[in-house]
Amino acid sequence: MTQEFIISFAMESMKTTLLLSAPMLGFGLVTGLAVSIFQAVTSIQELTLTFIPKILAVFLALLLFFPWLFQLMLSFTENIFLNIPNYIK
């Protein structure tokens, strides 16, 4: 294994991790922002108010993006398993 291989493998792993987490984080961020604006407008200062909408938004994102996320994970794992002989050289 060369240094270039390790760096490219680490970069590909990080890219895949970011792509897998981005939809859920984005939905949670937008939902948190909307709830914060709602709290500011109505002067409701309840700290626990944001948890349930964020959880629901993350689950919704997971349901919407699951086929794409599954395909991304499957192709990444398949690529790793197919290239095991190249990795051990």
N, C-alpha and C. Protein backbone atom coordinates (compact mmCIF):
# COMPACT_ATOMS: atom_id res chain seq x y z
N MET A 1 0.83 -1.18 0.00
CA MET A 1 0.00 0.00 0.00
C MET A 1 0.87 1.24 0.00
N THR A 2 0.53 2.12 -0.87
CA THR A 2 1.30 3.35 -0.96
C THR A 2 0.59 4.47 -0.19
N GLN A 3 1.32 5.53 0.00
CA GLN A 3 0.77 6.68 0.71
C GLN A 3 -0.38 7.31 -0.08
N GLU A 4 -0.27 7.34 -1.39
CA GLU A 4 -1.32 7.91 -2.23
C GLU A 4 -2.60 7.09 -2.13
N PHE A 5 -2.45 5.76 -2.08
CA PHE A 5 -3.62 4.89 -1.96
C PHE A 5 -4.35 5.15 -0.63
N ILE A 6 -3.60 5.26 0.45
CA ILE A 6 -4.21 5.47 1.77
C ILE A 6 -4.93 6.81 1.81
N ILE A 7 -4.31 7.83 1.24
CA ILE A 7 -4.94 9.15 1.22
C ILE A 7 -6.20 9.13 0.37
N SER A 8 -6.15 8.51 -0.79
CA SER A 8 -7.35 8.46 -1.65
C SER A 8 -8.45 7.62 -1.01
N PHE A 9 -8.09 6.54 -0.34
CA PHE A 9 -9.09 5.71 0.33
C PHE A 9 -9.74 6.48 1.48
N ALA A 10 -8.94 7.22 2.24
CA ALA A 10 -9.48 8.03 3.33
C ALA A 10 -10.39 9.14 2.80
N MET A 11 -9.98 9.77 1.72
CA MET A 11 -10.82 10.82 1.12
C MET A 11 -12.14 10.26 0.61
N GLU A 12 -12.10 9.11 -0.03
CA GLU A 12 -13.33 8.49 -0.52
C GLU A 12 -14.25 8.09 0.64
N SER A 13 -13.66 7.61 1.72
CA SER A 13 -14.45 7.25 2.90
C SER A 13 -15.11 8.47 3.52
N MET A 14 -14.37 9.56 3.64
CA MET A 14 -14.92 10.79 4.20
C MET A 14 -16.01 11.38 3.30
N LYS A 15 -15.78 11.32 1.99
CA LYS A 15 -16.78 11.82 1.05
C LYS A 15 -18.07 11.02 1.16
N THR A 16 -17.94 9.71 1.26
CA THR A 16 -19.12 8.86 1.39
C THR A 16 -19.84 9.14 2.70
N THR A 17 -19.10 9.32 3.77
CA THR A 17 -19.71 9.63 5.07
C THR A 17 -20.47 10.95 5.02
N LEU A 18 -19.88 11.95 4.41
CA LEU A 18 -20.55 13.26 4.29
C LEU A 18 -21.80 13.16 3.44
N LEU A 19 -21.73 12.42 2.34
CA LEU A 19 -22.90 12.26 1.49
C LEU A 19 -24.02 11.49 2.19
N LEU A 20 -23.66 10.53 3.02
CA LEU A 20 -24.66 9.75 3.74
C LEU A 20 -25.35 10.57 4.83
N SER A 21 -24.62 11.47 5.45
CA SER A 21 -25.19 12.23 6.56
C SER A 21 -25.83 13.55 6.13
N ALA A 22 -25.51 14.04 4.95
CA ALA A 22 -25.96 15.37 4.52
C ALA A 22 -27.48 15.53 4.48
N PRO A 23 -28.25 14.59 3.94
CA PRO A 23 -29.71 14.82 3.90
C PRO A 23 -30.33 14.96 5.29
N MET A 24 -29.96 14.09 6.21
CA MET A 24 -30.52 14.17 7.55
C MET A 24 -30.09 15.44 8.28
N LEU A 25 -28.81 15.81 8.13
CA LEU A 25 -28.33 17.03 8.77
C LEU A 25 -29.00 18.27 8.18
N GLY A 26 -29.18 18.27 6.87
CA GLY A 26 -29.83 19.41 6.22
C GLY A 26 -31.28 19.58 6.66
N PHE A 27 -32.03 18.47 6.70
CA PHE A 27 -33.42 18.55 7.14
C PHE A 27 -33.49 19.00 8.60
N GLY A 28 -32.60 18.47 9.43
CA GLY A 28 -32.58 18.88 10.84
C GLY A 28 -32.24 20.35 11.00
N LEU A 29 -31.31 20.83 10.19
CA LEU A 29 -30.91 22.24 10.25
C LEU A 29 -32.06 23.15 9.85
N VAL A 30 -32.73 22.84 8.76
CA VAL A 30 -33.84 23.67 8.29
C VAL A 30 -34.98 23.65 9.30
N THR A 31 -35.27 22.48 9.85
CA THR A 31 -36.34 22.37 10.85
C THR A 31 -35.99 23.15 12.11
N GLY A 32 -34.75 23.04 12.57
CA GLY A 32 -34.33 23.79 13.75
C GLY A 32 -34.41 25.29 13.53
N LEU A 33 -34.04 25.73 12.34
CA LEU A 33 -34.12 27.16 12.02
C LEU A 33 -35.57 27.63 12.00
N ALA A 34 -36.45 26.82 11.41
CA ALA A 34 -37.88 27.19 11.36
C ALA A 34 -38.48 27.25 12.76
N VAL A 35 -38.14 26.29 13.60
CA VAL A 35 -38.67 26.29 14.97
C VAL A 35 -38.10 27.48 15.75
N SER A 36 -36.84 27.80 15.53
CA SER A 36 -36.23 28.95 16.22
C SER A 36 -36.90 30.26 15.81
N ILE A 37 -37.19 30.40 14.53
CA ILE A 37 -37.90 31.60 14.06
C ILE A 37 -39.29 31.65 14.66
N PHE A 38 -39.98 30.50 14.70
CA PHE A 38 -41.31 30.43 15.31
C PHE A 38 -41.25 30.82 16.78
N GLN A 39 -40.23 30.35 17.50
CA GLN A 39 -40.09 30.69 18.91
C GLN A 39 -39.80 32.18 19.11
N ALA A 40 -39.01 32.75 18.22
CA ALA A 40 -38.69 34.17 18.34
C ALA A 40 -39.92 35.04 18.06
N VAL A 41 -40.72 34.62 17.09
CA VAL A 41 -41.91 35.40 16.73
C VAL A 41 -42.96 35.32 17.82
N THR A 42 -43.14 34.15 18.40
CA THR A 42 -44.20 33.96 19.40
C THR A 42 -43.72 34.15 20.84
N SER A 43 -42.45 34.42 21.04
CA SER A 43 -41.85 34.60 22.36
C SER A 43 -41.99 33.37 23.24
N ILE A 44 -42.06 32.20 22.64
CA ILE A 44 -42.05 30.94 23.38
C ILE A 44 -40.59 30.54 23.56
N GLN A 45 -40.15 30.42 24.78
CA GLN A 45 -38.76 30.10 25.05
C GLN A 45 -38.62 28.72 25.68
N GLU A 46 -39.24 27.74 25.11
CA GLU A 46 -39.15 26.36 25.60
C GLU A 46 -38.00 25.66 24.88
N LEU A 47 -37.01 25.19 25.63
CA LEU A 47 -35.82 24.59 25.02
C LEU A 47 -36.11 23.22 24.41
N THR A 48 -37.09 22.51 24.95
CA THR A 48 -37.36 21.16 24.46
C THR A 48 -38.28 21.14 23.25
N LEU A 49 -38.77 22.29 22.82
CA LEU A 49 -39.70 22.36 21.70
C LEU A 49 -39.07 21.91 20.38
N THR A 50 -37.78 22.02 20.22
CA THR A 50 -37.15 21.72 18.94
C THR A 50 -36.88 20.23 18.73
N PHE A 51 -36.90 19.43 19.78
CA PHE A 51 -36.49 18.04 19.64
C PHE A 51 -37.42 17.21 18.77
N ILE A 52 -38.73 17.25 19.03
CA ILE A 52 -39.68 16.41 18.29
C ILE A 52 -39.72 16.79 16.81
N PRO A 53 -39.82 18.07 16.44
CA PRO A 53 -39.80 18.39 15.00
C PRO A 53 -38.51 17.97 14.31
N LYS A 54 -37.37 18.11 15.00
CA LYS A 54 -36.10 17.70 14.40
C LYS A 54 -36.05 16.19 14.20
N ILE A 55 -36.51 15.44 15.19
CA ILE A 55 -36.52 13.98 15.06
C ILE A 55 -37.41 13.56 13.90
N LEU A 56 -38.58 14.17 13.80
CA LEU A 56 -39.48 13.84 12.69
C LEU A 56 -38.88 14.22 11.34
N ALA A 57 -38.19 15.36 11.29
CA ALA A 57 -37.56 15.78 10.03
C ALA A 57 -36.45 14.83 9.62
N VAL A 58 -35.66 14.36 10.58
CA VAL A 58 -34.58 13.43 10.27
C VAL A 58 -35.15 12.10 9.78
N PHE A 59 -36.21 11.62 10.42
CA PHE A 59 -36.85 10.38 9.95
C PHE A 59 -37.46 10.55 8.56
N LEU A 60 -38.05 11.71 8.31
CA LEU A 60 -38.59 11.98 6.98
C LEU A 60 -37.49 11.98 5.92
N ALA A 61 -36.37 12.62 6.23
CA ALA A 61 -35.24 12.64 5.30
C ALA A 61 -34.72 11.23 5.06
N LEU A 62 -34.67 10.44 6.12
CA LEU A 62 -34.21 9.05 5.98
C LEU A 62 -35.13 8.26 5.08
N LEU A 63 -36.44 8.44 5.24
CA LEU A 63 -37.39 7.74 4.38
C LEU A 63 -37.30 8.20 2.93
N LEU A 64 -37.16 9.50 2.73
CA LEU A 64 -37.11 10.03 1.37
C LEU A 64 -35.84 9.63 0.63
N PHE A 65 -34.71 9.65 1.33
CA PHE A 65 -33.42 9.43 0.70
C PHE A 65 -32.90 8.01 0.85
N PHE A 66 -33.67 7.12 1.48
CA PHE A 66 -33.16 5.78 1.76
C PHE A 66 -32.70 5.02 0.51
N PRO A 67 -33.46 5.03 -0.60
CA PRO A 67 -32.96 4.30 -1.78
C PRO A 67 -31.60 4.81 -2.26
N TRP A 68 -31.43 6.11 -2.29
CA TRP A 68 -30.15 6.68 -2.73
C TRP A 68 -29.05 6.37 -1.73
N LEU A 69 -29.35 6.49 -0.43
CA LEU A 69 -28.35 6.20 0.60
C LEU A 69 -27.94 4.73 0.55
N PHE A 70 -28.92 3.84 0.36
CA PHE A 70 -28.63 2.42 0.29
C PHE A 70 -27.75 2.11 -0.92
N GLN A 71 -28.05 2.71 -2.06
CA GLN A 71 -27.25 2.48 -3.26
C GLN A 71 -25.84 3.01 -3.08
N LEU A 72 -25.69 4.14 -2.43
CA LEU A 72 -24.36 4.71 -2.18
C LEU A 72 -23.55 3.79 -1.26
N MET A 73 -24.17 3.31 -0.18
CA MET A 73 -23.47 2.40 0.73
C MET A 73 -23.12 1.09 0.04
N LEU A 74 -24.05 0.60 -0.77
CA LEU A 74 -23.83 -0.67 -1.47
C LEU A 74 -22.68 -0.56 -2.46
N SER A 75 -22.63 0.52 -3.23
CA SER A 75 -21.56 0.67 -4.21
C SER A 75 -20.20 0.87 -3.53
N PHE A 76 -20.18 1.61 -2.42
CA PHE A 76 -18.92 1.81 -1.69
C PHE A 76 -18.41 0.48 -1.13
N THR A 77 -19.30 -0.29 -0.51
CA THR A 77 -18.91 -1.58 0.07
C THR A 77 -18.51 -2.56 -1.01
N GLU A 78 -19.24 -2.56 -2.11
CA GLU A 78 -18.91 -3.45 -3.23
C GLU A 78 -17.53 -3.12 -3.79
N ASN A 79 -17.23 -1.84 -3.90
CA ASN A 79 -15.93 -1.40 -4.38
C ASN A 79 -14.81 -1.87 -3.45
N ILE A 80 -15.05 -1.79 -2.15
CA ILE A 80 -14.04 -2.24 -1.19
C ILE A 80 -13.81 -3.74 -1.33
N PHE A 81 -14.89 -4.52 -1.37
CA PHE A 81 -14.74 -5.98 -1.44
C PHE A 81 -14.13 -6.45 -2.75
N LEU A 82 -14.46 -5.79 -3.85
CA LEU A 82 -13.90 -6.18 -5.14
C LEU A 82 -12.41 -5.85 -5.23
N ASN A 83 -11.97 -4.85 -4.52
CA ASN A 83 -10.57 -4.43 -4.61
C ASN A 83 -9.69 -4.96 -3.47
N ILE A 84 -10.18 -5.88 -2.69
CA ILE A 84 -9.35 -6.45 -1.61
C ILE A 84 -8.05 -7.04 -2.15
N PRO A 85 -8.06 -7.78 -3.26
CA PRO A 85 -6.75 -8.27 -3.77
C PRO A 85 -5.76 -7.16 -4.09
N ASN A 86 -6.27 -6.02 -4.57
CA ASN A 86 -5.37 -4.90 -4.86
C ASN A 86 -4.85 -4.25 -3.58
N TYR A 87 -5.63 -4.30 -2.51
CA TYR A 87 -5.24 -3.66 -1.27
C TYR A 87 -4.12 -4.41 -0.56
N ILE A 88 -4.10 -5.73 -0.69
CA ILE A 88 -3.12 -6.50 0.06
C ILE A 88 -1.80 -6.69 -0.68
N LYS A 89 -1.71 -6.19 -1.89
CA LYS A 89 -0.46 -6.30 -2.66
C LYS A 89 0.61 -5.41 -2.11
